Amino acid sequence: MTIWPASLPRSLDYPALPAAAFLRGAASAFPDRAALRDGDESLTYGELLRTAAKAAHGLRANGIREGDVVALHGPNGLWHPVGYYAILLAGGTVALLNPLQPAPALAAQLRETGAVAAITHPSCAESLPDLDLVVTLPATAVAPGLTAIGVGLPELARGRPSDPPEIRTGPDDTALLAYTGGTTGASKPVQVLHRNLVANVLHMSCWRAGVLPEVDGSGIRFRELPDTADFPVDLGRSVSVVTSPLYHQHALVTLNFLVACGVTAVIAGRFDPAGLLDLVERYGATYTATAPTAYQAVLAVPDLVERDLTSVRAITSGAGPMDAATHAGLAAAFPNATVLEGYGLTEATCTVTFPPTTPDGLRKIGTVGVPGFDTEIEIRDLEDPSRCVPQGADGEVWVRGPQVTAGYLGRPDATAEQFPDGWLRTGDIGRLDEDGYLAITGRAKDMLIYKGYNVYPRELEELLTGVAGVRQASVVGRPDPVAGELPVAFVVADPGAGLTAEALMAHVGERVLPYKRIREVVFTDRLPTSPAGKVLKTELRSRLVGA
């Protein structure tokens, strides 16, 4: 069994090109290959580049200059990636904004990012305040809408040149402004430079497709290796169903990776687990990427065992930990797929670690793989971050690599605290084993302190989800004047499971030290999650405070 694929180097060469170079390369290599599908509509890679280039010229003709911030504000749909690439090809910076947030919050983010224009969608355009330019994307089957505000994208692009504008955008310019998930506090805008995005897309592409980059004019293409067939993503042949919201950083960076590899991206609308399976069967999807909470919903689809899911070769998961029961369920439901749990965060563009993807790769359930190309991980003492902890001990995860971003826009104090000396202080708790595999055991802000003892929710959640009938579980602390914090479990149970709080507390209590025992169980219909699928523990804690 291998940890690092023999054909891949530990270090990559990173072209000094802007992120849109991946689309240029794919359009050159796969001009007639379907890039995007949305219902009965589709765009080839050649059409995607030409349409985005025309729209980029339209943006420039309407006053958008290099370095200007343009908000991208809308649901998943065929035209969302067109808007994204139009901004990049025009030399602008993309501000990813959640279309579901209320108008006051949206206005605040537009002010904070300095956006001068927005590309939006009819379903959410009315929440936008006045801007110099508002461009509306067409409605589609996946992203329906009735009213159009501002200039329509087809009108903006009509009659424009199909070659991208000449721009001077370089590796150190800002490609994206992406807000953090806000699961532990207020969201902050992260500055993702073009070199960060290029590096992380290369990491994902080379690791999952078994390829190496080469520059073709102004585009980035890939060279296949002798053992490329052993990797789960096939250049110009794979198909992926995109279910995660593209206004979130993880999904958008993943889309860049799909484009770089010439994958056909089938765009899904609002997440529907049965609908995801329908699209997998209809298009013979080979690759999926979403959050553990979404996969748990997939496993609950009543006719799951009757589905033909044999086309899927890789199932990747991020945005939160995957429990062993979900991992086993996916492996059974998708018999030809490798289940891959990785780790990343917005402040590191997207991905930090990678589990081996080839048949001879050593995969360890409960870990998130090894540090990727040119990436270092240290586990540091929670009380004294100048000191690394011994191998196998828990501590805070620190990361250094080319994907680590430039920090938070307009927040120098937060940037200095989170990004000291070229390192990223993640706030996640984890450990490294003897082979360099990382296991994430919790968030520093999620850790409970019970009578002076540290209690990590992840361990308790794993035990709970191992109980038959428990679909999801999340553990948070209830403030207590004597103990400090009491571990409380919020549990989503299968209908008719007949579970009791006493039985669940006893199950956990028999398997942990006394100070780790769960003191209360709250049954709920669902756990609150962010658009990226992360459980919002701040909301669960507020329920306890208000109870």
Foldseek 3Di string as FASTA:
>chain_A
DDFDDPLDDLAADFDWAFLCLLLVQLCVVWVPFWAEAEPPDTHGSVRLLLLLQLLLVLVVVLPDAAAAEEEEEEWWDRCSVSPLSNQVLNNYAYEQDYLPDALVVVVVVCVQVVHQEYEYEQVRVVSDDDHSAYEYEDAGPQRHHDDDDGHYSCRSRPPGGRHGDDDDATQARFHYFAWFQQLLHDTFTFGFGRLLLSVVLQLVQCQQQVWGWDRDPNHIATDHDPVSVQHQAAQLDAEEEQAFTCSHLQSVSVSSSCSSRNYYYYYHGHDDLVVRLVVCQVPVHAEYEAAQLSLLNNLVPPCLQVGDQQSHAEYEHEPDDHAPVSLVSVCVSHVNYDYAYFYDTVQLSHGFATAHGGPPGDDDPQFRGAGTRQKDKFFAAAVDRVHGDDAPDKGWIKMAGSSRGPATRPCVVRRCVQQPPRIGRPQWIWGAHPVRTIGTQAGVSQWFQFQNDTAGFSVLFNQLVVDPFWSGKTWGFAQDPPGGTAIEMETEGDPPPPDDFVVSQVSSCVPDDPSHGHDYYHYDNDFDAGSRGHGSVVVVRVVSVVD
